[in-house]
Amino acid sequence: MSKINLKIIKDGKIKLSELFNLQKNLKTLSIGALDKLKKNFIKNGFLVPFCVWTDDSGKNYIVDGHQRKFVLEEMEIEGATIPII
């Protein structure tokens, strides 16, 4: 039987600019959904962390959270201060 190696997920903080999309344009986000997520972030904060895979070169790819990253980037452009996540 084959052995599957487990890579432990580590917690920590990373700059939004150091996260790269693994999937390209897989899903779209409507203007209404974008605004709803912005309001949710402002009201409740950032509740669900990104799921990130780090390749052998140390580059961090988002496995889950592409839309959250997009919304945070939009908010940053609009002048919001985005903490290190």
N, C-alpha and C. Protein backbone atom coordinates (compact mmCIF):
# COMPACT_ATOMS: atom_id res chain seq x y z
N MET A 1 0.84 -1.17 0.00
CA MET A 1 0.00 0.00 0.00
C MET A 1 0.89 1.24 0.00
N SER A 2 0.51 2.25 -0.75
CA SER A 2 1.27 3.51 -0.84
C SER A 2 1.08 4.34 0.42
N LYS A 3 2.10 5.06 0.76
CA LYS A 3 2.04 5.96 1.90
C LYS A 3 1.80 7.38 1.40
N ILE A 4 0.87 8.06 2.03
CA ILE A 4 0.58 9.45 1.68
C ILE A 4 1.21 10.34 2.74
N ASN A 5 2.06 11.24 2.30
CA ASN A 5 2.71 12.15 3.23
C ASN A 5 1.78 13.31 3.55
N LEU A 6 1.74 13.69 4.80
CA LEU A 6 0.93 14.80 5.26
C LEU A 6 1.81 16.02 5.44
N LYS A 7 1.44 17.10 4.81
CA LYS A 7 2.15 18.35 5.01
C LYS A 7 1.31 19.16 5.99
N ILE A 8 1.86 19.44 7.12
CA ILE A 8 1.15 20.15 8.17
C ILE A 8 0.86 21.57 7.72
N ILE A 9 -0.36 21.96 7.92
CA ILE A 9 -0.75 23.33 7.62
C ILE A 9 -0.26 24.20 8.76
N LYS A 10 0.47 25.21 8.41
CA LYS A 10 0.97 26.09 9.45
C LYS A 10 0.15 27.38 9.47
N ASP A 11 0.05 27.90 10.66
CA ASP A 11 -0.61 29.18 10.74
C ASP A 11 0.45 30.25 10.82
N GLY A 12 0.09 31.41 10.50
CA GLY A 12 1.02 32.52 10.51
C GLY A 12 0.44 33.65 9.72
N LYS A 13 1.18 34.69 9.62
CA LYS A 13 0.70 35.86 8.91
C LYS A 13 1.52 36.07 7.66
N ILE A 14 0.83 36.58 6.63
CA ILE A 14 1.48 36.80 5.35
C ILE A 14 0.85 38.04 4.71
N LYS A 15 1.64 38.77 3.96
CA LYS A 15 1.12 39.93 3.26
C LYS A 15 0.24 39.46 2.10
N LEU A 16 -0.81 40.21 1.85
CA LEU A 16 -1.72 39.88 0.75
C LEU A 16 -0.96 39.81 -0.58
N SER A 17 0.03 40.68 -0.73
CA SER A 17 0.82 40.72 -1.98
C SER A 17 1.70 39.48 -2.16
N GLU A 18 1.86 38.69 -1.10
CA GLU A 18 2.67 37.47 -1.19
C GLU A 18 1.83 36.23 -1.47
N LEU A 19 0.54 36.44 -1.72
CA LEU A 19 -0.36 35.33 -2.07
C LEU A 19 -0.65 35.39 -3.56
N PHE A 20 -0.50 34.26 -4.23
CA PHE A 20 -0.72 34.19 -5.67
C PHE A 20 -1.87 33.25 -5.96
N ASN A 21 -2.64 33.59 -6.99
CA ASN A 21 -3.78 32.76 -7.36
C ASN A 21 -3.32 31.47 -8.02
N LEU A 22 -3.81 30.36 -7.51
CA LEU A 22 -3.52 29.07 -8.12
C LEU A 22 -4.45 28.85 -9.31
N GLN A 23 -5.69 29.28 -9.15
CA GLN A 23 -6.70 29.14 -10.20
C GLN A 23 -6.87 30.48 -10.89
N LYS A 24 -7.00 30.44 -12.16
CA LYS A 24 -7.18 31.67 -12.94
C LYS A 24 -8.63 31.77 -13.42
N ASN A 25 -9.33 32.80 -12.99
CA ASN A 25 -10.68 33.11 -13.47
C ASN A 25 -11.63 31.91 -13.44
N LEU A 26 -11.52 31.08 -12.41
CA LEU A 26 -12.40 29.92 -12.31
C LEU A 26 -13.83 30.35 -11.99
N LYS A 27 -13.96 31.35 -11.13
CA LYS A 27 -15.27 31.86 -10.74
C LYS A 27 -15.29 33.36 -10.95
N THR A 28 -16.48 33.89 -11.16
CA THR A 28 -16.63 35.33 -11.23
C THR A 28 -17.40 35.79 -10.01
N LEU A 29 -17.27 37.05 -9.70
CA LEU A 29 -17.93 37.62 -8.54
C LEU A 29 -18.77 38.79 -9.02
N SER A 30 -20.08 38.72 -8.81
CA SER A 30 -20.95 39.80 -9.24
C SER A 30 -20.70 41.04 -8.38
N ILE A 31 -21.12 42.19 -8.88
CA ILE A 31 -20.96 43.44 -8.14
C ILE A 31 -21.70 43.36 -6.81
N GLY A 32 -22.89 42.75 -6.82
CA GLY A 32 -23.67 42.61 -5.58
C GLY A 32 -22.95 41.74 -4.56
N ALA A 33 -22.38 40.64 -5.01
CA ALA A 33 -21.65 39.74 -4.11
C ALA A 33 -20.38 40.41 -3.59
N LEU A 34 -19.72 41.18 -4.45
CA LEU A 34 -18.52 41.90 -4.06
C LEU A 34 -18.86 42.90 -2.95
N ASP A 35 -19.91 43.67 -3.15
CA ASP A 35 -20.32 44.66 -2.15
C ASP A 35 -20.75 43.99 -0.84
N LYS A 36 -21.44 42.88 -0.96
CA LYS A 36 -21.89 42.15 0.24
C LYS A 36 -20.69 41.64 1.05
N LEU A 37 -19.68 41.12 0.35
CA LEU A 37 -18.49 40.62 1.04
C LEU A 37 -17.70 41.76 1.67
N LYS A 38 -17.61 42.91 0.99
CA LYS A 38 -16.95 44.08 1.56
C LYS A 38 -17.63 44.48 2.87
N LYS A 39 -18.95 44.58 2.84
CA LYS A 39 -19.71 44.97 4.04
C LYS A 39 -19.51 43.95 5.15
N ASN A 40 -19.46 42.68 4.80
CA ASN A 40 -19.25 41.62 5.78
C ASN A 40 -17.88 41.76 6.44
N PHE A 41 -16.85 42.05 5.64
CA PHE A 41 -15.50 42.25 6.18
C PHE A 41 -15.48 43.44 7.15
N ILE A 42 -16.15 44.53 6.77
CA ILE A 42 -16.17 45.72 7.61
C ILE A 42 -16.91 45.44 8.92
N LYS A 43 -18.03 44.74 8.83
CA LYS A 43 -18.84 44.46 10.02
C LYS A 43 -18.22 43.40 10.92
N ASN A 44 -17.78 42.29 10.34
CA ASN A 44 -17.36 41.12 11.12
C ASN A 44 -15.86 40.87 11.13
N GLY A 45 -15.12 41.57 10.31
CA GLY A 45 -13.69 41.28 10.18
C GLY A 45 -13.46 40.11 9.24
N PHE A 46 -12.24 39.69 9.16
CA PHE A 46 -11.86 38.58 8.28
C PHE A 46 -11.91 37.30 9.09
N LEU A 47 -12.93 36.47 8.85
CA LEU A 47 -13.20 35.31 9.71
C LEU A 47 -12.58 34.01 9.21
N VAL A 48 -12.54 33.82 7.91
CA VAL A 48 -12.11 32.53 7.35
C VAL A 48 -10.73 32.71 6.71
N PRO A 49 -9.73 32.00 7.19
CA PRO A 49 -8.38 32.17 6.65
C PRO A 49 -8.27 31.59 5.24
N PHE A 50 -7.23 31.99 4.56
CA PHE A 50 -6.92 31.42 3.26
C PHE A 50 -6.34 30.02 3.46
N CYS A 51 -6.61 29.16 2.51
CA CYS A 51 -5.94 27.86 2.45
C CYS A 51 -4.83 28.04 1.42
N VAL A 52 -3.59 27.88 1.86
CA VAL A 52 -2.44 28.22 1.02
C VAL A 52 -1.51 27.02 0.86
N TRP A 53 -1.02 26.84 -0.35
CA TRP A 53 0.00 25.82 -0.64
C TRP A 53 1.29 26.57 -0.98
N THR A 54 2.37 26.19 -0.36
CA THR A 54 3.67 26.78 -0.63
C THR A 54 4.48 25.78 -1.44
N ASP A 55 4.91 26.20 -2.64
CA ASP A 55 5.67 25.28 -3.48
C ASP A 55 7.12 25.20 -3.00
N ASP A 56 7.90 24.39 -3.67
CA ASP A 56 9.29 24.16 -3.25
C ASP A 56 10.16 25.42 -3.30
N SER A 57 9.74 26.40 -4.11
CA SER A 57 10.52 27.64 -4.20
C SER A 57 10.10 28.65 -3.12
N GLY A 58 9.04 28.32 -2.38
CA GLY A 58 8.58 29.22 -1.31
C GLY A 58 7.47 30.15 -1.73
N LYS A 59 6.98 30.01 -2.96
CA LYS A 59 5.89 30.86 -3.45
C LYS A 59 4.57 30.33 -2.88
N ASN A 60 3.72 31.24 -2.38
CA ASN A 60 2.47 30.89 -1.73
C ASN A 60 1.29 31.02 -2.68
N TYR A 61 0.60 29.90 -2.92
CA TYR A 61 -0.54 29.87 -3.82
C TYR A 61 -1.83 29.66 -3.03
N ILE A 62 -2.85 30.45 -3.35
CA ILE A 62 -4.15 30.29 -2.70
C ILE A 62 -4.86 29.08 -3.30
N VAL A 63 -5.23 28.15 -2.44
CA VAL A 63 -6.02 26.99 -2.84
C VAL A 63 -7.50 27.31 -2.62
N ASP A 64 -7.80 28.02 -1.52
CA ASP A 64 -9.15 28.44 -1.23
C ASP A 64 -9.11 29.87 -0.71
N GLY A 65 -9.86 30.76 -1.35
CA GLY A 65 -9.92 32.14 -0.90
C GLY A 65 -9.68 33.16 -2.00
N HIS A 66 -9.75 32.75 -3.25
CA HIS A 66 -9.49 33.65 -4.38
C HIS A 66 -10.39 34.88 -4.34
N GLN A 67 -11.67 34.67 -4.11
CA GLN A 67 -12.62 35.79 -4.11
C GLN A 67 -12.38 36.71 -2.92
N ARG A 68 -12.05 36.13 -1.77
CA ARG A 68 -11.75 36.95 -0.59
C ARG A 68 -10.53 37.82 -0.87
N LYS A 69 -9.52 37.26 -1.51
CA LYS A 69 -8.33 38.05 -1.84
C LYS A 69 -8.69 39.17 -2.80
N PHE A 70 -9.51 38.87 -3.80
CA PHE A 70 -9.93 39.88 -4.77
C PHE A 70 -10.64 41.04 -4.07
N VAL A 71 -11.55 40.71 -3.16
CA VAL A 71 -12.30 41.74 -2.45
C VAL A 71 -11.37 42.58 -1.57
N LEU A 72 -10.46 41.93 -0.87
CA LEU A 72 -9.51 42.67 -0.04
C LEU A 72 -8.63 43.59 -0.88
N GLU A 73 -8.22 43.13 -2.06
CA GLU A 73 -7.42 43.97 -2.96
C GLU A 73 -8.23 45.18 -3.42
N GLU A 74 -9.50 44.97 -3.73
CA GLU A 74 -10.38 46.07 -4.14
C GLU A 74 -10.53 47.07 -3.00
N MET A 75 -10.70 46.57 -1.79
CA MET A 75 -10.84 47.45 -0.63
C MET A 75 -9.56 48.25 -0.40
N GLU A 76 -8.41 47.62 -0.62
CA GLU A 76 -7.13 48.30 -0.46
C GLU A 76 -7.00 49.43 -1.47
N ILE A 77 -7.41 49.19 -2.70
CA ILE A 77 -7.38 50.22 -3.75
C ILE A 77 -8.26 51.40 -3.35
N GLU A 78 -9.37 51.09 -2.68
CA GLU A 78 -10.32 52.13 -2.24
C GLU A 78 -9.84 52.86 -0.98
N GLY A 79 -8.69 52.45 -0.42
CA GLY A 79 -8.13 53.16 0.71
C GLY A 79 -8.20 52.44 2.04
N ALA A 80 -8.77 51.24 2.06
CA ALA A 80 -8.83 50.49 3.31
C ALA A 80 -7.44 49.99 3.68
N THR A 81 -7.17 49.92 4.96
CA THR A 81 -5.91 49.37 5.45
C THR A 81 -6.12 47.87 5.67
N ILE A 82 -5.38 47.07 4.95
CA ILE A 82 -5.50 45.61 5.04
C ILE A 82 -4.36 45.11 5.92
N PRO A 83 -4.71 44.45 7.02
CA PRO A 83 -3.64 43.94 7.90
C PRO A 83 -2.92 42.76 7.26
N ILE A 84 -1.76 42.43 7.81
CA ILE A 84 -1.09 41.21 7.39
C ILE A 84 -1.95 40.06 7.89
N ILE A 85 -2.31 39.19 6.99
CA ILE A 85 -3.30 38.14 7.30
C ILE A 85 -2.60 36.89 7.80
